[in-house]
Amino acid sequence: MDHIGIDVHKNQSQICILTDEGELVEQRIRTVRDRFASVLGGRCGSRILIEASTESEWVARCLEGLGHEVVVADPNFAPMYSTRSRRVKTDRRDAQALAQACRLGAYRAAHRSSDEQRHVRARLSVREALVRTRSRYISLIRALLRREGLRVGSGSGAGFLDRLEKEELPDILQGEIAPLLEVMGRLNEQIASIGWIGFEVRIKWSPTSGLCLER
């Protein structure tokens, strides 16, 4: 079985192949599905080692679809890079080190999320971004009101617009904050539509992958 290390990056990835015959094959490709298929699709099933990263899951699934065994490894596992040259770090040397670690078994597998976990995490990230944006708008509106000696009662972010409507604001101030209020109304709708996900989500800590979501 050939052993392959791939240093995966957003735009380009470095491939290092150690064949059973001892041959070393190296190639740099664009990080897109058709290039992985072109370079590795015709090879017999190999074991491939890549680091856990933003791109690692779709790359792993792409390579598995080509018939290879893929290990997504914890990048913080120091022995994985024990064979790397102490000279300047390069993608080529990293790929070579990954290929050697793959051959020697000198790696620690990282947690791989299921499709459901990945989509739940994505929805939570989107909701968090929307809530942060709303909070920034609320802080700005409160600051503009304070300049005029006005205040809005405390409460939830979702109820801020309702509390604001009860205040008598000068016309000029209403005109200044009107664009923010319009956007906030839409933000509230989007946040409410996402909700808190349709099932219970438990969060646990994994020493190899950080926060993980479970049903």
N, C-alpha and C. Protein backbone atom coordinates (compact mmCIF):
# COMPACT_ATOMS: atom_id res chain seq x y z
N MET A 1 0.83 -1.20 0.00
CA MET A 1 0.00 0.00 0.00
C MET A 1 0.87 1.25 0.00
N ASP A 2 0.54 2.20 -0.86
CA ASP A 2 1.25 3.47 -0.86
C ASP A 2 0.80 4.30 0.33
N HIS A 3 1.71 5.13 0.80
CA HIS A 3 1.40 6.05 1.89
C HIS A 3 1.57 7.47 1.39
N ILE A 4 0.56 8.29 1.64
CA ILE A 4 0.52 9.63 1.05
C ILE A 4 0.29 10.67 2.14
N GLY A 5 1.05 11.73 2.06
CA GLY A 5 0.84 12.88 2.92
C GLY A 5 0.43 14.06 2.07
N ILE A 6 -0.59 14.77 2.49
CA ILE A 6 -1.04 15.94 1.74
C ILE A 6 -1.10 17.13 2.68
N ASP A 7 -0.34 18.16 2.37
CA ASP A 7 -0.40 19.41 3.13
C ASP A 7 -1.47 20.28 2.46
N VAL A 8 -2.66 20.28 3.05
CA VAL A 8 -3.83 20.91 2.44
C VAL A 8 -3.90 22.38 2.83
N HIS A 9 -4.10 23.23 1.82
CA HIS A 9 -4.32 24.66 2.06
C HIS A 9 -5.51 25.13 1.23
N LYS A 10 -5.94 26.35 1.48
CA LYS A 10 -7.16 26.86 0.86
C LYS A 10 -7.06 26.85 -0.67
N ASN A 11 -5.95 27.28 -1.21
CA ASN A 11 -5.83 27.42 -2.67
C ASN A 11 -5.04 26.29 -3.32
N GLN A 12 -3.94 25.90 -2.71
CA GLN A 12 -3.10 24.86 -3.28
C GLN A 12 -2.67 23.87 -2.20
N SER A 13 -2.45 22.63 -2.63
CA SER A 13 -2.04 21.59 -1.69
C SER A 13 -0.82 20.86 -2.24
N GLN A 14 0.04 20.44 -1.33
CA GLN A 14 1.26 19.71 -1.70
C GLN A 14 1.06 18.24 -1.39
N ILE A 15 1.32 17.38 -2.39
CA ILE A 15 1.15 15.94 -2.25
C ILE A 15 2.51 15.27 -2.24
N CYS A 16 2.69 14.34 -1.31
CA CYS A 16 3.90 13.52 -1.26
C CYS A 16 3.47 12.06 -1.17
N ILE A 17 3.91 11.24 -2.14
CA ILE A 17 3.55 9.83 -2.21
C ILE A 17 4.77 8.97 -1.98
N LEU A 18 4.70 8.06 -1.00
CA LEU A 18 5.74 7.05 -0.78
C LEU A 18 5.18 5.73 -1.27
N THR A 19 5.72 5.23 -2.36
CA THR A 19 5.20 3.99 -2.95
C THR A 19 5.79 2.78 -2.25
N ASP A 20 5.19 1.62 -2.48
CA ASP A 20 5.70 0.37 -1.92
C ASP A 20 7.11 0.08 -2.41
N GLU A 21 7.43 0.56 -3.59
CA GLU A 21 8.75 0.32 -4.18
C GLU A 21 9.80 1.30 -3.67
N GLY A 22 9.42 2.19 -2.77
CA GLY A 22 10.36 3.15 -2.22
C GLY A 22 10.50 4.43 -3.02
N GLU A 23 9.69 4.58 -4.06
CA GLU A 23 9.74 5.79 -4.89
C GLU A 23 9.03 6.93 -4.17
N LEU A 24 9.55 8.14 -4.33
CA LEU A 24 8.94 9.33 -3.76
C LEU A 24 8.41 10.19 -4.90
N VAL A 25 7.11 10.45 -4.88
CA VAL A 25 6.46 11.25 -5.92
C VAL A 25 5.86 12.49 -5.28
N GLU A 26 6.17 13.64 -5.83
CA GLU A 26 5.68 14.90 -5.27
C GLU A 26 4.97 15.72 -6.35
N GLN A 27 3.92 16.39 -5.94
CA GLN A 27 3.18 17.23 -6.88
C GLN A 27 2.39 18.29 -6.11
N ARG A 28 2.31 19.46 -6.71
CA ARG A 28 1.53 20.55 -6.12
C ARG A 28 0.31 20.78 -7.01
N ILE A 29 -0.87 20.83 -6.40
CA ILE A 29 -2.10 20.97 -7.18
C ILE A 29 -3.00 22.02 -6.56
N ARG A 30 -3.99 22.47 -7.32
CA ARG A 30 -5.02 23.34 -6.77
C ARG A 30 -5.93 22.51 -5.87
N THR A 31 -6.40 23.11 -4.81
CA THR A 31 -7.25 22.41 -3.84
C THR A 31 -8.69 22.41 -4.34
N VAL A 32 -8.95 21.58 -5.35
CA VAL A 32 -10.29 21.42 -5.92
C VAL A 32 -10.51 19.94 -6.19
N ARG A 33 -11.75 19.51 -6.20
CA ARG A 33 -12.08 18.10 -6.32
C ARG A 33 -11.55 17.46 -7.59
N ASP A 34 -11.67 18.16 -8.73
CA ASP A 34 -11.27 17.52 -9.98
C ASP A 34 -9.77 17.30 -10.07
N ARG A 35 -8.98 18.14 -9.39
CA ARG A 35 -7.53 17.93 -9.40
C ARG A 35 -7.15 16.75 -8.51
N PHE A 36 -7.81 16.60 -7.36
CA PHE A 36 -7.55 15.42 -6.53
C PHE A 36 -7.93 14.15 -7.30
N ALA A 37 -9.04 14.21 -8.00
CA ALA A 37 -9.48 13.04 -8.77
C ALA A 37 -8.50 12.74 -9.89
N SER A 38 -7.98 13.78 -10.55
CA SER A 38 -7.05 13.58 -11.65
C SER A 38 -5.73 12.97 -11.19
N VAL A 39 -5.24 13.41 -10.06
CA VAL A 39 -3.93 12.95 -9.58
C VAL A 39 -4.01 11.64 -8.82
N LEU A 40 -5.05 11.47 -8.01
CA LEU A 40 -5.12 10.30 -7.12
C LEU A 40 -6.24 9.32 -7.47
N GLY A 41 -7.08 9.68 -8.41
CA GLY A 41 -8.22 8.83 -8.74
C GLY A 41 -7.83 7.51 -9.39
N GLY A 42 -6.73 7.49 -10.10
CA GLY A 42 -6.33 6.27 -10.79
C GLY A 42 -5.41 5.37 -10.01
N ARG A 43 -5.05 5.75 -8.79
CA ARG A 43 -4.15 4.94 -7.98
C ARG A 43 -4.93 3.89 -7.20
N CYS A 44 -4.25 2.80 -6.91
CA CYS A 44 -4.86 1.77 -6.05
C CYS A 44 -5.07 2.36 -4.65
N GLY A 45 -5.95 1.75 -3.89
CA GLY A 45 -6.26 2.26 -2.56
C GLY A 45 -5.01 2.50 -1.73
N SER A 46 -4.84 3.72 -1.26
CA SER A 46 -3.69 4.10 -0.46
C SER A 46 -4.16 4.62 0.88
N ARG A 47 -3.23 4.74 1.82
CA ARG A 47 -3.53 5.39 3.08
C ARG A 47 -3.01 6.83 2.99
N ILE A 48 -3.90 7.78 3.27
CA ILE A 48 -3.56 9.19 3.12
C ILE A 48 -3.71 9.89 4.46
N LEU A 49 -2.73 10.71 4.80
CA LEU A 49 -2.75 11.46 6.05
C LEU A 49 -2.82 12.95 5.74
N ILE A 50 -3.81 13.63 6.33
CA ILE A 50 -3.92 15.08 6.23
C ILE A 50 -4.17 15.65 7.62
N GLU A 51 -3.86 16.92 7.78
CA GLU A 51 -4.11 17.59 9.05
C GLU A 51 -5.56 18.05 9.14
N ALA A 52 -6.10 18.08 10.36
CA ALA A 52 -7.41 18.66 10.59
C ALA A 52 -7.34 20.16 10.32
N SER A 53 -8.28 20.66 9.51
CA SER A 53 -8.31 22.07 9.15
C SER A 53 -9.70 22.41 8.63
N THR A 54 -9.88 23.63 8.20
CA THR A 54 -11.18 24.04 7.66
C THR A 54 -11.56 23.19 6.45
N GLU A 55 -10.59 22.88 5.59
CA GLU A 55 -10.86 22.13 4.37
C GLU A 55 -10.78 20.62 4.54
N SER A 56 -10.31 20.14 5.68
CA SER A 56 -9.96 18.73 5.80
C SER A 56 -11.12 17.77 5.59
N GLU A 57 -12.33 18.13 6.05
CA GLU A 57 -13.43 17.17 5.97
C GLU A 57 -13.87 16.93 4.53
N TRP A 58 -14.04 17.99 3.75
CA TRP A 58 -14.47 17.76 2.37
C TRP A 58 -13.36 17.10 1.55
N VAL A 59 -12.11 17.44 1.85
CA VAL A 59 -10.99 16.79 1.15
C VAL A 59 -10.96 15.30 1.50
N ALA A 60 -11.13 14.98 2.79
CA ALA A 60 -11.13 13.58 3.22
C ALA A 60 -12.24 12.80 2.53
N ARG A 61 -13.42 13.37 2.48
CA ARG A 61 -14.54 12.67 1.85
C ARG A 61 -14.32 12.50 0.35
N CYS A 62 -13.72 13.52 -0.26
CA CYS A 62 -13.40 13.42 -1.69
C CYS A 62 -12.43 12.27 -1.94
N LEU A 63 -11.38 12.18 -1.13
CA LEU A 63 -10.37 11.13 -1.30
C LEU A 63 -10.94 9.76 -0.97
N GLU A 64 -11.80 9.68 0.04
CA GLU A 64 -12.44 8.41 0.36
C GLU A 64 -13.34 7.95 -0.78
N GLY A 65 -13.95 8.92 -1.45
CA GLY A 65 -14.78 8.58 -2.60
C GLY A 65 -13.97 8.04 -3.76
N LEU A 66 -12.66 8.32 -3.76
CA LEU A 66 -11.76 7.80 -4.80
C LEU A 66 -11.20 6.43 -4.43
N GLY A 67 -11.62 5.90 -3.26
CA GLY A 67 -11.20 4.56 -2.86
C GLY A 67 -10.02 4.50 -1.92
N HIS A 68 -9.65 5.61 -1.33
CA HIS A 68 -8.50 5.64 -0.43
C HIS A 68 -8.94 5.63 1.04
N GLU A 69 -8.02 5.19 1.89
CA GLU A 69 -8.23 5.26 3.34
C GLU A 69 -7.63 6.58 3.81
N VAL A 70 -8.43 7.40 4.46
CA VAL A 70 -7.97 8.73 4.85
C VAL A 70 -7.98 8.88 6.36
N VAL A 71 -6.89 9.40 6.90
CA VAL A 71 -6.79 9.72 8.32
C VAL A 71 -6.67 11.23 8.45
N VAL A 72 -7.59 11.84 9.19
CA VAL A 72 -7.50 13.26 9.50
C VAL A 72 -6.83 13.36 10.87
N ALA A 73 -5.66 13.97 10.89
CA ALA A 73 -4.82 13.91 12.09
C ALA A 73 -4.83 15.22 12.88
N ASP A 74 -4.60 15.09 14.18
CA ASP A 74 -4.46 16.22 15.08
C ASP A 74 -3.16 16.94 14.75
N PRO A 75 -3.21 18.21 14.30
CA PRO A 75 -1.97 18.92 13.94
C PRO A 75 -1.07 19.25 15.12
N ASN A 76 -1.60 19.13 16.35
CA ASN A 76 -0.81 19.45 17.55
C ASN A 76 -0.03 18.25 18.08
N PHE A 77 -0.13 17.12 17.39
CA PHE A 77 0.59 15.92 17.81
C PHE A 77 2.03 15.99 17.29
N ALA A 78 2.95 16.41 18.17
CA ALA A 78 4.32 16.71 17.77
C ALA A 78 5.05 15.57 17.07
N PRO A 79 4.92 14.29 17.52
CA PRO A 79 5.66 13.21 16.86
C PRO A 79 5.35 13.06 15.37
N MET A 80 4.23 13.61 14.92
CA MET A 80 3.87 13.48 13.51
C MET A 80 4.89 14.18 12.62
N TYR A 81 5.55 15.19 13.17
CA TYR A 81 6.52 15.93 12.38
C TYR A 81 7.95 15.68 12.82
N SER A 82 8.17 14.56 13.47
CA SER A 82 9.52 14.27 13.99
C SER A 82 10.54 14.07 12.88
N THR A 83 10.09 13.67 11.69
CA THR A 83 11.03 13.44 10.58
C THR A 83 11.25 14.68 9.73
N ARG A 84 10.55 15.77 10.05
CA ARG A 84 10.69 16.98 9.22
C ARG A 84 12.04 17.64 9.46
N SER A 85 12.61 18.15 8.40
CA SER A 85 13.88 18.85 8.50
C SER A 85 13.75 20.05 9.42
N ARG A 86 14.80 20.34 10.15
CA ARG A 86 14.80 21.49 11.04
C ARG A 86 15.06 22.79 10.30
N ARG A 87 15.25 22.70 8.99
CA ARG A 87 15.42 23.91 8.21
C ARG A 87 14.08 24.64 8.08
N VAL A 88 14.07 25.64 7.23
CA VAL A 88 12.87 26.47 7.09
C VAL A 88 11.67 25.60 6.73
N LYS A 89 10.55 25.84 7.42
CA LYS A 89 9.32 25.09 7.19
C LYS A 89 8.76 25.43 5.81
N THR A 90 8.42 24.41 5.02
CA THR A 90 7.78 24.61 3.72
C THR A 90 6.65 23.60 3.56
N ASP A 91 5.76 23.86 2.63
CA ASP A 91 4.67 22.93 2.36
C ASP A 91 5.22 21.58 1.90
N ARG A 92 6.28 21.61 1.11
CA ARG A 92 6.87 20.37 0.60
C ARG A 92 7.40 19.52 1.74
N ARG A 93 8.11 20.14 2.68
CA ARG A 93 8.64 19.39 3.81
C ARG A 93 7.54 18.89 4.72
N ASP A 94 6.48 19.68 4.87
CA ASP A 94 5.35 19.23 5.68
C ASP A 94 4.68 18.02 5.05
N ALA A 95 4.51 18.04 3.73
CA ALA A 95 3.90 16.90 3.04
C ALA A 95 4.76 15.66 3.17
N GLN A 96 6.07 15.84 3.07
CA GLN A 96 6.98 14.70 3.24
C GLN A 96 6.88 14.13 4.66
N ALA A 97 6.81 15.02 5.65
CA ALA A 97 6.70 14.57 7.04
C ALA A 97 5.38 13.83 7.25
N LEU A 98 4.30 14.32 6.65
CA LEU A 98 3.01 13.65 6.78
C LEU A 98 3.03 12.27 6.13
N ALA A 99 3.69 12.16 4.99
CA ALA A 99 3.79 10.86 4.32
C ALA A 99 4.57 9.87 5.18
N GLN A 100 5.67 10.33 5.78
CA GLN A 100 6.47 9.46 6.65
C GLN A 100 5.67 9.07 7.89
N ALA A 101 4.96 10.04 8.47
CA ALA A 101 4.14 9.74 9.65
C ALA A 101 3.04 8.74 9.30
N CYS A 102 2.50 8.87 8.10
CA CYS A 102 1.48 7.93 7.64
C CYS A 102 2.06 6.52 7.55
N ARG A 103 3.26 6.41 7.01
CA ARG A 103 3.91 5.10 6.87
C ARG A 103 4.25 4.50 8.22
N LEU A 104 4.69 5.35 9.17
CA LEU A 104 5.13 4.88 10.48
C LEU A 104 3.97 4.75 11.48
N GLY A 105 2.81 5.33 11.15
CA GLY A 105 1.71 5.35 12.11
C GLY A 105 1.92 6.36 13.21
N ALA A 106 2.76 7.36 12.97
CA ALA A 106 3.09 8.36 13.98
C ALA A 106 2.13 9.54 13.91
N TYR A 107 0.86 9.29 14.22
CA TYR A 107 -0.14 10.35 14.19
C TYR A 107 -1.23 10.04 15.21
N ARG A 108 -2.03 11.05 15.50
CA ARG A 108 -3.18 10.88 16.39
C ARG A 108 -4.42 11.38 15.63
N ALA A 109 -5.35 10.48 15.40
CA ALA A 109 -6.53 10.84 14.62
C ALA A 109 -7.35 11.90 15.34
N ALA A 110 -7.85 12.87 14.59
CA ALA A 110 -8.70 13.92 15.13
C ALA A 110 -10.17 13.51 15.01
N HIS A 111 -11.01 14.17 15.80
CA HIS A 111 -12.45 13.91 15.72
C HIS A 111 -12.99 14.40 14.38
N ARG A 112 -13.82 13.58 13.74
CA ARG A 112 -14.48 13.99 12.49
C ARG A 112 -15.98 14.08 12.73
N SER A 113 -16.51 15.25 12.51
CA SER A 113 -17.93 15.49 12.76
C SER A 113 -18.80 14.81 11.71
N SER A 114 -19.98 14.38 12.14
CA SER A 114 -20.97 13.84 11.21
C SER A 114 -21.59 14.99 10.43
N ASP A 115 -22.32 14.65 9.36
CA ASP A 115 -23.00 15.68 8.59
C ASP A 115 -23.94 16.49 9.47
N GLU A 116 -24.67 15.80 10.33
CA GLU A 116 -25.61 16.49 11.21
C GLU A 116 -24.90 17.46 12.12
N GLN A 117 -23.79 17.04 12.71
CA GLN A 117 -23.04 17.92 13.60
C GLN A 117 -22.51 19.14 12.86
N ARG A 118 -22.02 18.92 11.63
CA ARG A 118 -21.47 20.02 10.85
C ARG A 118 -22.54 21.05 10.51
N HIS A 119 -23.75 20.58 10.17
CA HIS A 119 -24.81 21.51 9.81
C HIS A 119 -25.35 22.23 11.04
N VAL A 120 -25.41 21.54 12.17
CA VAL A 120 -25.83 22.21 13.41
C VAL A 120 -24.82 23.29 13.77
N ARG A 121 -23.54 22.96 13.67
CA ARG A 121 -22.50 23.94 14.00
C ARG A 121 -22.58 25.15 13.06
N ALA A 122 -22.87 24.90 11.78
CA ALA A 122 -22.98 26.01 10.83
C ALA A 122 -24.14 26.93 11.20
N ARG A 123 -25.28 26.33 11.55
CA ARG A 123 -26.45 27.14 11.92
C ARG A 123 -26.19 27.94 13.19
N LEU A 124 -25.51 27.32 14.15
CA LEU A 124 -25.17 28.04 15.38
C LEU A 124 -24.22 29.20 15.09
N SER A 125 -23.28 28.99 14.17
CA SER A 125 -22.33 30.06 13.81
C SER A 125 -23.05 31.22 13.14
N VAL A 126 -23.99 30.90 12.25
CA VAL A 126 -24.75 31.95 11.58
C VAL A 126 -25.58 32.73 12.59
N ARG A 127 -26.25 32.00 13.51
CA ARG A 127 -27.06 32.68 14.52
C ARG A 127 -26.20 33.58 15.40
N GLU A 128 -25.03 33.08 15.79
CA GLU A 128 -24.14 33.87 16.63
C GLU A 128 -23.72 35.15 15.92
N ALA A 129 -23.42 35.06 14.62
CA ALA A 129 -23.02 36.24 13.86
C ALA A 129 -24.15 37.26 13.80
N LEU A 130 -25.38 36.78 13.60
CA LEU A 130 -26.53 37.69 13.56
C LEU A 130 -26.75 38.38 14.90
N VAL A 131 -26.64 37.61 15.99
CA VAL A 131 -26.84 38.19 17.33
C VAL A 131 -25.75 39.21 17.64
N ARG A 132 -24.51 38.93 17.24
CA ARG A 132 -23.43 39.90 17.46
C ARG A 132 -23.70 41.20 16.70
N THR A 133 -24.17 41.06 15.47
CA THR A 133 -24.47 42.25 14.68
C THR A 133 -25.57 43.07 15.34
N ARG A 134 -26.64 42.40 15.80
CA ARG A 134 -27.72 43.10 16.49
C ARG A 134 -27.21 43.81 17.74
N SER A 135 -26.33 43.14 18.48
CA SER A 135 -25.80 43.74 19.71
C SER A 135 -25.00 45.00 19.40
N ARG A 136 -24.24 44.99 18.30
CA ARG A 136 -23.48 46.19 17.92
C ARG A 136 -24.42 47.34 17.58
N TYR A 137 -25.50 47.03 16.87
CA TYR A 137 -26.46 48.08 16.53
C TYR A 137 -27.12 48.64 17.78
N ILE A 138 -27.47 47.76 18.72
CA ILE A 138 -28.09 48.22 19.96
C ILE A 138 -27.13 49.13 20.73
N SER A 139 -25.86 48.76 20.79
CA SER A 139 -24.88 49.58 21.50
C SER A 139 -24.75 50.96 20.85
N LEU A 140 -24.76 50.99 19.51
CA LEU A 140 -24.66 52.27 18.81
C LEU A 140 -25.88 53.13 19.07
N ILE A 141 -27.06 52.54 19.01
CA ILE A 141 -28.30 53.31 19.25
C ILE A 141 -28.32 53.84 20.68
N ARG A 142 -27.92 53.01 21.63
CA ARG A 142 -27.90 53.47 23.04
C ARG A 142 -26.94 54.66 23.18
N ALA A 143 -25.79 54.60 22.52
CA ALA A 143 -24.83 55.69 22.61
C ALA A 143 -25.39 56.98 22.01
N LEU A 144 -26.09 56.85 20.86
CA LEU A 144 -26.69 58.04 20.24
C LEU A 144 -27.77 58.64 21.13
N LEU A 145 -28.52 57.76 21.81
CA LEU A 145 -29.56 58.27 22.71
C LEU A 145 -28.95 58.95 23.93
N ARG A 146 -27.87 58.39 24.46
CA ARG A 146 -27.24 58.98 25.65
C ARG A 146 -26.72 60.38 25.37
N ARG A 147 -26.30 60.62 24.14
CA ARG A 147 -25.83 61.97 23.79
C ARG A 147 -26.93 63.00 23.94
N GLU A 148 -28.18 62.52 23.84
CA GLU A 148 -29.33 63.42 23.98
C GLU A 148 -29.97 63.30 25.36
N GLY A 149 -29.32 62.61 26.26
CA GLY A 149 -29.84 62.46 27.61
C GLY A 149 -30.98 61.46 27.70
N LEU A 150 -31.05 60.54 26.75
CA LEU A 150 -32.13 59.55 26.71
C LEU A 150 -31.59 58.16 26.99
N ARG A 151 -32.43 57.30 27.52
CA ARG A 151 -32.04 55.93 27.81
C ARG A 151 -33.18 54.98 27.48
N VAL A 152 -32.81 53.73 27.16
CA VAL A 152 -33.79 52.68 26.92
C VAL A 152 -33.62 51.64 28.01
N GLY A 153 -34.71 51.15 28.55
CA GLY A 153 -34.65 50.16 29.62
C GLY A 153 -33.90 48.90 29.21
N SER A 154 -33.34 48.23 30.18
CA SER A 154 -32.60 47.00 29.91
C SER A 154 -33.56 45.85 29.63
N GLY A 155 -33.05 44.84 28.96
CA GLY A 155 -33.86 43.67 28.61
C GLY A 155 -33.19 42.90 27.50
N SER A 156 -33.93 41.99 26.92
CA SER A 156 -33.36 41.14 25.88
C SER A 156 -33.13 41.93 24.60
N GLY A 157 -32.20 41.43 23.78
CA GLY A 157 -31.95 42.06 22.49
C GLY A 157 -33.16 41.98 21.59
N ALA A 158 -33.88 40.86 21.67
CA ALA A 158 -35.05 40.67 20.81
C ALA A 158 -36.15 41.69 21.11
N GLY A 159 -36.21 42.17 22.36
CA GLY A 159 -37.25 43.11 22.74
C GLY A 159 -36.83 44.56 22.72
N PHE A 160 -35.61 44.83 22.22
CA PHE A 160 -35.09 46.20 22.24
C PHE A 160 -35.97 47.15 21.43
N LEU A 161 -36.40 46.74 20.24
CA LEU A 161 -37.20 47.62 19.40
C LEU A 161 -38.53 47.97 20.06
N ASP A 162 -39.12 47.01 20.73
CA ASP A 162 -40.39 47.27 21.43
C ASP A 162 -40.18 48.28 22.55
N ARG A 163 -39.08 48.16 23.29
CA ARG A 163 -38.81 49.11 24.38
C ARG A 163 -38.51 50.50 23.81
N LEU A 164 -37.83 50.51 22.67
CA LEU A 164 -37.47 51.79 22.06
C LEU A 164 -38.71 52.55 21.59
N GLU A 165 -39.71 51.82 21.10
CA GLU A 165 -40.93 52.45 20.60
C GLU A 165 -41.66 53.22 21.70
N LYS A 166 -41.45 52.84 22.95
CA LYS A 166 -42.14 53.50 24.06
C LYS A 166 -41.49 54.83 24.43
N GLU A 167 -40.31 55.10 23.87
CA GLU A 167 -39.61 56.35 24.18
C GLU A 167 -40.01 57.43 23.18
N GLU A 168 -40.10 58.65 23.64
CA GLU A 168 -40.38 59.78 22.76
C GLU A 168 -39.05 60.36 22.28
N LEU A 169 -38.74 60.10 21.04
CA LEU A 169 -37.46 60.52 20.47
C LEU A 169 -37.64 61.75 19.59
N PRO A 170 -36.69 62.67 19.58
CA PRO A 170 -36.74 63.81 18.66
C PRO A 170 -36.77 63.31 17.21
N ASP A 171 -37.44 64.05 16.35
CA ASP A 171 -37.56 63.64 14.96
C ASP A 171 -36.20 63.44 14.30
N ILE A 172 -35.27 64.34 14.58
CA ILE A 172 -33.96 64.23 13.93
C ILE A 172 -33.24 62.96 14.36
N LEU A 173 -33.40 62.59 15.64
CA LEU A 173 -32.77 61.37 16.13
C LEU A 173 -33.44 60.13 15.52
N GLN A 174 -34.75 60.17 15.38
CA GLN A 174 -35.46 59.06 14.75
C GLN A 174 -34.96 58.86 13.32
N GLY A 175 -34.72 59.96 12.62
CA GLY A 175 -34.21 59.85 11.25
C GLY A 175 -32.81 59.27 11.21
N GLU A 176 -32.00 59.62 12.21
CA GLU A 176 -30.61 59.13 12.24
C GLU A 176 -30.54 57.63 12.46
N ILE A 177 -31.41 57.12 13.33
CA ILE A 177 -31.33 55.69 13.66
C ILE A 177 -32.26 54.83 12.81
N ALA A 178 -33.07 55.45 11.97
CA ALA A 178 -34.04 54.69 11.17
C ALA A 178 -33.40 53.57 10.35
N PRO A 179 -32.24 53.81 9.66
CA PRO A 179 -31.64 52.70 8.90
C PRO A 179 -31.26 51.51 9.78
N LEU A 180 -30.78 51.79 11.00
CA LEU A 180 -30.42 50.71 11.91
C LEU A 180 -31.66 49.93 12.35
N LEU A 181 -32.74 50.66 12.62
CA LEU A 181 -33.96 50.00 13.07
C LEU A 181 -34.53 49.10 11.98
N GLU A 182 -34.42 49.55 10.74
CA GLU A 182 -34.93 48.73 9.64
C GLU A 182 -34.14 47.43 9.52
N VAL A 183 -32.81 47.54 9.61
CA VAL A 183 -31.97 46.34 9.52
C VAL A 183 -32.21 45.44 10.73
N MET A 184 -32.37 46.03 11.92
CA MET A 184 -32.58 45.23 13.12
C MET A 184 -33.88 44.44 13.06
N GLY A 185 -34.90 45.03 12.45
CA GLY A 185 -36.15 44.29 12.31
C GLY A 185 -35.95 43.03 11.49
N ARG A 186 -35.16 43.14 10.43
CA ARG A 186 -34.87 41.97 9.60
C ARG A 186 -33.99 40.98 10.35
N LEU A 187 -33.03 41.49 11.13
CA LEU A 187 -32.18 40.61 11.93
C LEU A 187 -33.00 39.79 12.91
N ASN A 188 -33.95 40.45 13.57
CA ASN A 188 -34.81 39.74 14.52
C ASN A 188 -35.58 38.61 13.85
N GLU A 189 -36.06 38.87 12.64
CA GLU A 189 -36.78 37.84 11.90
C GLU A 189 -35.87 36.66 11.58
N GLN A 190 -34.65 36.95 11.13
CA GLN A 190 -33.73 35.88 10.77
C GLN A 190 -33.30 35.07 11.98
N ILE A 191 -33.03 35.76 13.10
CA ILE A 191 -32.63 35.06 14.33
C ILE A 191 -33.75 34.16 14.81
N ALA A 192 -34.98 34.67 14.76
CA ALA A 192 -36.12 33.87 15.20
C ALA A 192 -36.34 32.67 14.29
N SER A 193 -36.07 32.83 12.99
CA SER A 193 -36.28 31.72 12.05
C SER A 193 -35.28 30.60 12.28
N ILE A 194 -34.06 30.96 12.71
CA ILE A 194 -33.06 29.93 13.00
C ILE A 194 -33.40 29.24 14.31
N GLY A 195 -33.88 30.02 15.29
CA GLY A 195 -34.26 29.44 16.58
C GLY A 195 -33.06 28.84 17.30
N TRP A 196 -33.34 27.85 18.12
CA TRP A 196 -32.30 27.18 18.91
C TRP A 196 -32.07 25.75 18.42
N ILE A 197 -32.33 25.50 17.15
CA ILE A 197 -32.16 24.19 16.54
C ILE A 197 -33.27 23.27 17.05
N GLY A 198 -33.71 22.36 16.19
CA GLY A 198 -34.89 21.58 16.49
C GLY A 198 -34.69 20.40 17.41
N PHE A 199 -33.53 20.28 18.07
CA PHE A 199 -33.33 19.19 19.01
C PHE A 199 -32.29 19.63 20.03
N GLU A 200 -32.19 18.87 21.08
CA GLU A 200 -31.24 19.19 22.14
C GLU A 200 -29.81 19.00 21.65
N VAL A 201 -28.97 19.98 21.89
CA VAL A 201 -27.56 19.90 21.51
C VAL A 201 -26.72 19.93 22.78
N ARG A 202 -25.87 18.94 22.94
CA ARG A 202 -24.95 18.92 24.07
C ARG A 202 -23.56 19.25 23.54
N ILE A 203 -22.82 20.03 24.30
CA ILE A 203 -21.48 20.43 23.90
C ILE A 203 -20.49 19.77 24.85
N LYS A 204 -19.50 19.09 24.27
CA LYS A 204 -18.47 18.46 25.09
C LYS A 204 -17.11 18.93 24.61
N TRP A 205 -16.11 18.76 25.45
CA TRP A 205 -14.76 19.16 25.11
C TRP A 205 -13.94 17.93 24.78
N SER A 206 -13.27 17.98 23.63
CA SER A 206 -12.37 16.90 23.23
C SER A 206 -10.95 17.44 23.21
N PRO A 207 -9.98 16.77 23.83
CA PRO A 207 -8.61 17.27 23.85
C PRO A 207 -7.97 17.31 22.47
N THR A 208 -8.52 16.53 21.52
CA THR A 208 -7.92 16.49 20.18
C THR A 208 -8.61 17.42 19.20
N SER A 209 -9.87 17.76 19.45
CA SER A 209 -10.61 18.55 18.46
C SER A 209 -11.33 19.76 19.02
N GLY A 210 -11.19 20.00 20.34
CA GLY A 210 -11.86 21.14 20.92
C GLY A 210 -13.33 20.86 21.18
N LEU A 211 -14.18 21.86 20.92
CA LEU A 211 -15.60 21.71 21.18
C LEU A 211 -16.24 20.81 20.15
N CYS A 212 -17.08 19.88 20.60
CA CYS A 212 -17.80 18.97 19.71
C CYS A 212 -19.29 19.02 20.08
N LEU A 213 -20.13 18.91 19.08
CA LEU A 213 -21.57 18.92 19.30
C LEU A 213 -22.11 17.52 19.25
N GLU A 214 -23.03 17.20 20.14
CA GLU A 214 -23.67 15.89 20.16
C GLU A 214 -25.17 16.08 20.25
N ARG A 215 -25.90 15.12 19.75
CA ARG A 215 -27.35 15.12 19.98
C ARG A 215 -27.62 14.58 21.35
